C-alpha atoms as a PDB file:
ATOM      1  CA  MET A   1      20.974  -5.178 127.171  1.00  0.00           C
ATOM      2  CA  SER A   2      18.795  -6.730 124.634  1.00  0.00           C
ATOM      3  CA  ASN A   3      17.499 -10.278 125.348  1.00  0.00           C
ATOM      4  CA  SER A   4      17.697 -11.271 121.824  1.00  0.00           C
ATOM      5  CA  ARG A   5      21.573 -10.723 121.732  1.00  0.00           C
ATOM      6  CA  PRO A   6      23.343 -11.660 125.074  1.00  0.00           C
ATOM      7  CA  SER A   7      26.604 -10.383 126.219  1.00  0.00           C
ATOM      8  CA  ARG A   8      29.574 -12.474 125.919  1.00  0.00           C
ATOM      9  CA  ARG A   9      29.878 -12.092 129.625  1.00  0.00           C
ATOM     10  CA  ARG A  10      26.403 -13.479 129.956  1.00  0.00           C
ATOM     11  CA  ARG A  11      27.265 -16.640 127.674  1.00  0.00           C
ATOM     12  CA  ALA A  12      30.336 -17.268 129.923  1.00  0.00           C
ATOM     13  CA  LEU A  13      28.666 -17.080 132.956  1.00  0.00           C
ATOM     14  CA  ALA A  14      26.198 -19.952 131.562  1.00  0.00           C
ATOM     15  CA  ALA A  15      29.171 -22.283 130.830  1.00  0.00           C
ATOM     16  CA  VAL A  16      30.525 -21.296 134.651  1.00  0.00           C
ATOM     17  CA  ALA A  17      27.391 -22.682 136.001  1.00  0.00           C
ATOM     18  CA  LEU A  18      27.667 -26.164 134.144  1.00  0.00           C
ATOM     19  CA  ALA A  19      31.192 -26.409 135.446  1.00  0.00           C
ATOM     20  CA  VAL A  20      30.245 -25.768 138.836  1.00  0.00           C
ATOM     21  CA  LEU A  21      27.340 -28.423 138.718  1.00  0.00           C
ATOM     22  CA  ALA A  22      30.061 -31.047 137.148  1.00  0.00           C
ATOM     23  CA  ALA A  23      32.409 -30.885 139.984  1.00  0.00           C
ATOM     24  CA  PRO A  24      30.280 -32.243 142.674  1.00  0.00           C
ATOM     25  CA  ALA A  25      28.815 -34.928 140.943  1.00  0.00           C
ATOM     26  CA  ALA A  26      31.961 -37.293 142.338  1.00  0.00           C
ATOM     27  CA  LEU A  27      30.082 -36.940 145.643  1.00  0.00           C
ATOM     28  CA  ALA A  28      26.927 -38.926 144.738  1.00  0.00           C
ATOM     29  CA  GLY A  29      29.281 -41.753 143.898  1.00  0.00           C
ATOM     30  CA  ALA A  30      29.402 -41.284 140.049  1.00  0.00           C
ATOM     31  CA  ASP A  31      32.091 -43.008 138.105  1.00  0.00           C
ATOM     32  CA  ALA A  32      32.900 -39.901 136.298  1.00  0.00           C
ATOM     33  CA  PRO A  33      31.924 -36.603 137.195  1.00  0.00           C
ATOM     34  CA  ARG A  34      28.569 -35.675 135.111  1.00  0.00           C
ATOM     35  CA  ALA A  35      27.561 -32.106 133.688  1.00  0.00           C
ATOM     36  CA  ILE A  36      24.493 -30.818 131.984  1.00  0.00           C
ATOM     37  CA  HIS A  37      24.733 -27.579 130.449  1.00  0.00           C
ATOM     38  CA  VAL A  38      22.159 -25.125 132.012  1.00  0.00           C
ATOM     39  CA  ARG A  39      21.292 -22.252 129.499  1.00  0.00           C
ATOM     40  CA  TYR A  40      19.883 -19.071 130.258  1.00  0.00           C
ATOM     41  CA  ASP A  41      20.749 -16.650 127.823  1.00  0.00           C
ATOM     42  CA  ASP A  42      17.207 -16.777 127.139  1.00  0.00           C
ATOM     43  CA  LEU A  43      16.011 -15.425 130.039  1.00  0.00           C
ATOM     44  CA  ASN A  44      15.851 -11.995 131.635  1.00  0.00           C
ATOM     45  CA  LEU A  45      17.448 -12.005 135.463  1.00  0.00           C
ATOM     46  CA  ASP A  46      16.033  -8.634 135.663  1.00  0.00           C
ATOM     47  CA  SER A  47      12.681  -9.922 136.072  1.00  0.00           C
ATOM     48  CA  ASP A  48      11.054 -12.467 138.760  1.00  0.00           C
ATOM     49  CA  ALA A  49       9.891 -14.809 136.153  1.00  0.00           C
ATOM     50  CA  GLY A  50      13.180 -14.982 134.299  1.00  0.00           C
ATOM     51  CA  THR A  51      15.105 -15.801 137.851  1.00  0.00           C
ATOM     52  CA  GLN A  52      12.646 -18.115 138.675  1.00  0.00           C
ATOM     53  CA  ALA A  53      13.006 -19.918 135.447  1.00  0.00           C
ATOM     54  CA  LEU A  54      16.600 -19.950 135.697  1.00  0.00           C
ATOM     55  CA  TYR A  55      16.455 -21.271 139.572  1.00  0.00           C
ATOM     56  CA  ARG A  56      14.200 -24.155 138.404  1.00  0.00           C
ATOM     57  CA  ARG A  57      16.916 -25.094 135.693  1.00  0.00           C
ATOM     58  CA  LEU A  58      19.383 -25.273 137.858  1.00  0.00           C
ATOM     59  CA  ALA A  59      17.645 -26.936 140.395  1.00  0.00           C
ATOM     60  CA  ARG A  60      16.724 -29.656 137.924  1.00  0.00           C
ATOM     61  CA  ALA A  61      20.285 -29.929 136.766  1.00  0.00           C
ATOM     62  CA  ALA A  62      21.452 -30.470 139.969  1.00  0.00           C
ATOM     63  CA  THR A  63      18.930 -33.359 140.711  1.00  0.00           C
ATOM     64  CA  ARG A  64      19.900 -34.930 137.638  1.00  0.00           C
ATOM     65  CA  VAL A  65      23.673 -34.422 137.809  1.00  0.00           C
ATOM     66  CA  CYS A  66      23.792 -35.803 141.735  1.00  0.00           C
ATOM     67  CA  GLU A  67      21.225 -38.727 140.696  1.00  0.00           C
ATOM     68  CA  LEU A  68      18.988 -37.649 143.659  1.00  0.00           C
ATOM     69  CA  GLU A  69      15.858 -39.598 142.262  1.00  0.00           C
ATOM     70  CA  GLY A  70      15.177 -43.281 142.979  1.00  0.00           C
ATOM     71  CA  LEU A  71      17.906 -43.651 145.687  1.00  0.00           C
ATOM     72  CA  ARG A  72      16.980 -46.348 148.269  1.00  0.00           C
ATOM     73  CA  ASP A  73      19.693 -46.263 150.934  1.00  0.00           C
ATOM     74  CA  LEU A  74      20.173 -43.721 153.400  1.00  0.00           C
ATOM     75  CA  ALA A  75      23.911 -43.310 152.634  1.00  0.00           C
ATOM     76  CA  SER A  76      23.230 -42.822 149.038  1.00  0.00           C
ATOM     77  CA  LEU A  77      20.712 -40.449 149.803  1.00  0.00           C
ATOM     78  CA  HIS A  78      22.548 -38.551 151.918  1.00  0.00           C
ATOM     79  CA  ARG A  79      25.520 -38.329 149.565  1.00  0.00           C
ATOM     80  CA  ALA A  80      23.195 -37.335 146.863  1.00  0.00           C
ATOM     81  CA  GLU A  81      21.402 -34.672 148.818  1.00  0.00           C
ATOM     82  CA  VAL A  82      24.851 -32.938 149.948  1.00  0.00           C
ATOM     83  CA  CYS A  83      26.080 -33.276 146.107  1.00  0.00           C
ATOM     84  CA  TYR A  84      22.437 -31.374 145.285  1.00  0.00           C
ATOM     85  CA  ARG A  85      23.162 -28.243 147.932  1.00  0.00           C
ATOM     86  CA  ASP A  86      26.543 -28.002 146.576  1.00  0.00           C
ATOM     87  CA  ALA A  87      26.086 -28.235 142.945  1.00  0.00           C
ATOM     88  CA  LEU A  88      22.847 -25.733 143.197  1.00  0.00           C
ATOM     89  CA  HIS A  89      24.889 -23.186 145.807  1.00  0.00           C
ATOM     90  CA  GLY A  90      27.841 -23.498 143.420  1.00  0.00           C
ATOM     91  CA  ALA A  91      25.976 -22.768 140.247  1.00  0.00           C
ATOM     92  CA  VAL A  92      24.115 -19.888 142.190  1.00  0.00           C
ATOM     93  CA  VAL A  93      27.138 -18.314 143.029  1.00  0.00           C
ATOM     94  CA  ALA A  94      28.601 -18.656 139.485  1.00  0.00           C
ATOM     95  CA  VAL A  95      25.732 -16.989 137.768  1.00  0.00           C
ATOM     96  CA  HIS A  96      26.374 -14.110 140.109  1.00  0.00           C
ATOM     97  CA  ASN A  97      23.251 -12.332 140.208  1.00  0.00           C
ATOM     98  CA  GLU A  98      21.578 -10.766 143.311  1.00  0.00           C
ATOM     99  CA  ARG A  99      18.068 -11.680 142.480  1.00  0.00           C
ATOM    100  CA  LEU A 100      18.828 -15.400 142.006  1.00  0.00           C
ATOM    101  CA  SER A 101      21.116 -15.365 145.113  1.00  0.00           C
ATOM    102  CA  ALA A 102      18.265 -13.819 146.834  1.00  0.00           C
ATOM    103  CA  LEU A 103      15.599 -16.501 145.458  1.00  0.00           C
ATOM    104  CA  TYR A 104      18.218 -19.147 146.563  1.00  0.00           C
ATOM    105  CA  ARG A 105      18.486 -17.916 150.188  1.00  0.00           C
ATOM    106  CA  ALA A 106      14.763 -17.707 150.333  1.00  0.00           C
ATOM    107  CA  ARG A 107      14.023 -21.432 149.330  1.00  0.00           C
ATOM    108  CA  GLU A 108      17.106 -22.716 150.993  1.00  0.00           C
ATOM    109  CA  PRO A 109      16.837 -21.130 154.329  1.00  0.00           C
ATOM    110  CA  ASN A 110      20.040 -23.157 155.732  1.00  0.00           C
ATOM    111  CA  SER A 111      22.192 -21.929 152.803  1.00  0.00           C
ATOM    112  CA  ALA A 112      25.639 -20.122 153.735  1.00  0.00           C
ATOM    113  CA  SER A 113      25.351 -17.715 150.639  1.00  0.00           C
END
Protein backbone atom coordinates (compact mmCIF):
# COMPACT_ATOMS: atom_id res chain seq x y z
CA MET A 1 0.00 0.00 0.00
CA SER A 2 1.34 3.42 -0.89
CA ASN A 3 1.59 6.10 1.80
CA SER A 4 0.54 8.82 -0.63
CA ARG A 5 -2.93 7.34 -1.11
CA PRO A 6 -4.33 5.80 2.09
CA SER A 7 -6.92 3.07 1.88
CA ARG A 8 -10.51 3.66 2.96
CA ARG A 9 -9.97 1.31 5.89
CA ARG A 10 -6.99 3.31 7.09
CA ARG A 11 -8.93 6.59 6.88
CA ALA A 12 -11.83 4.98 8.75
CA LEU A 13 -9.52 3.80 11.50
CA ALA A 14 -8.27 7.34 12.02
CA ALA A 15 -11.87 8.38 12.65
CA VAL A 16 -12.35 5.50 15.07
CA ALA A 17 -9.39 6.69 17.13
CA LEU A 18 -11.08 10.08 17.37
CA ALA A 19 -14.34 8.58 18.62
CA VAL A 20 -12.59 6.49 21.24
CA LEU A 21 -10.73 9.51 22.55
CA ALA A 22 -13.94 11.52 22.84
CA ALA A 23 -15.85 9.09 25.07
CA PRO A 24 -13.61 9.06 28.19
CA ALA A 25 -13.53 12.87 28.47
CA ALA A 26 -16.60 12.67 30.69
CA LEU A 27 -14.47 10.90 33.30
CA ALA A 28 -12.31 14.00 33.63
CA GLY A 29 -15.32 16.05 34.67
CA ALA A 30 -15.84 17.85 31.38
CA ASP A 31 -19.32 19.29 30.81
CA ALA A 32 -19.48 17.73 27.36
CA PRO A 33 -17.23 15.12 25.79
CA ARG A 34 -14.35 16.66 23.90
CA ALA A 35 -12.76 15.20 20.84
CA ILE A 36 -9.53 15.70 18.97
CA HIS A 37 -9.14 14.33 15.49
CA VAL A 38 -5.95 12.28 15.33
CA ARG A 39 -4.77 11.77 11.77
CA TYR A 40 -2.26 9.14 10.79
CA ASP A 41 -2.85 8.65 7.10
CA ASP A 42 0.50 10.37 6.55
CA LEU A 43 2.40 7.80 8.64
CA ASN A 44 3.88 4.46 7.70
CA LEU A 45 2.84 2.17 10.54
CA ASP A 46 5.14 -0.52 9.19
CA SER A 47 8.09 1.52 10.46
CA ASP A 48 9.29 2.30 13.98
CA ALA A 49 9.31 6.02 13.22
CA GLY A 50 5.72 6.01 11.99
CA THR A 51 4.48 3.94 14.91
CA GLN A 52 6.26 6.17 17.44
CA ALA A 53 4.88 9.30 15.78
CA LEU A 54 1.32 7.96 16.01
CA TYR A 55 1.82 6.98 19.65
CA ARG A 56 3.00 10.52 20.45
CA ARG A 57 -0.01 12.00 18.64
CA LEU A 58 -2.43 9.77 20.52
CA ALA A 59 -0.77 10.51 23.87
CA ARG A 60 -0.87 14.28 23.24
CA ALA A 61 -4.52 14.09 22.19
CA ALA A 62 -5.42 12.05 25.29
CA THR A 63 -3.63 14.62 27.47
CA ARG A 64 -5.61 17.45 25.90
CA VAL A 65 -8.98 15.65 25.83
CA CYS A 66 -8.67 14.63 29.46
CA GLU A 67 -7.36 18.05 30.54
CA LEU A 68 -4.47 16.41 32.36
CA GLU A 69 -2.23 19.47 32.60
CA GLY A 70 -2.51 22.14 35.28
CA LEU A 71 -4.60 20.18 37.78
CA ARG A 72 -3.98 20.94 41.43
CA ASP A 73 -6.32 18.77 43.50
CA LEU A 74 -5.79 15.04 43.85
CA ALA A 75 -9.34 13.98 42.96
CA SER A 76 -9.28 15.87 39.66
CA LEU A 77 -5.80 14.60 38.88
CA HIS A 78 -6.86 11.01 39.54
CA ARG A 79 -9.94 11.35 37.28
CA ALA A 80 -7.83 12.90 34.54
CA GLU A 81 -5.21 10.14 34.78
CA VAL A 82 -7.89 7.44 34.54
CA CYS A 83 -9.37 9.27 31.56
CA TYR A 84 -5.93 9.50 29.92
CA ARG A 85 -5.20 5.78 30.37
CA ASP A 86 -8.64 4.80 29.07
CA ALA A 87 -8.45 7.20 26.12
CA LEU A 88 -4.97 6.12 25.08
CA HIS A 89 -5.80 2.43 25.47
CA GLY A 90 -9.02 2.81 23.48
CA ALA A 91 -7.29 4.66 20.69
CA VAL A 92 -4.51 2.07 20.44
CA VAL A 93 -7.06 -0.74 20.31
CA ALA A 94 -9.13 1.11 17.69
CA VAL A 95 -6.15 1.52 15.37
CA HIS A 96 -5.65 -2.26 15.50
CA ASN A 97 -1.95 -2.28 14.65
CA GLU A 98 0.34 -4.82 16.32
CA ARG A 99 3.38 -2.53 16.22
CA LEU A 100 1.45 0.26 17.94
CA SER A 101 0.03 -2.19 20.50
CA ALA A 102 3.52 -3.50 21.28
CA LEU A 103 4.83 0.04 21.73
CA TYR A 104 1.89 0.84 24.01
CA ARG A 105 2.55 -2.27 26.14
CA ALA A 106 6.24 -1.33 26.41
CA ARG A 107 5.50 2.24 27.47
CA GLU A 108 2.50 1.45 29.67
CA PRO A 109 3.66 -1.66 31.57
CA ASN A 110 0.46 -1.79 33.66
CA SER A 111 -1.73 -1.84 30.56
CA ALA A 112 -4.26 -4.60 30.06
CA SER A 113 -3.93 -4.92 26.28
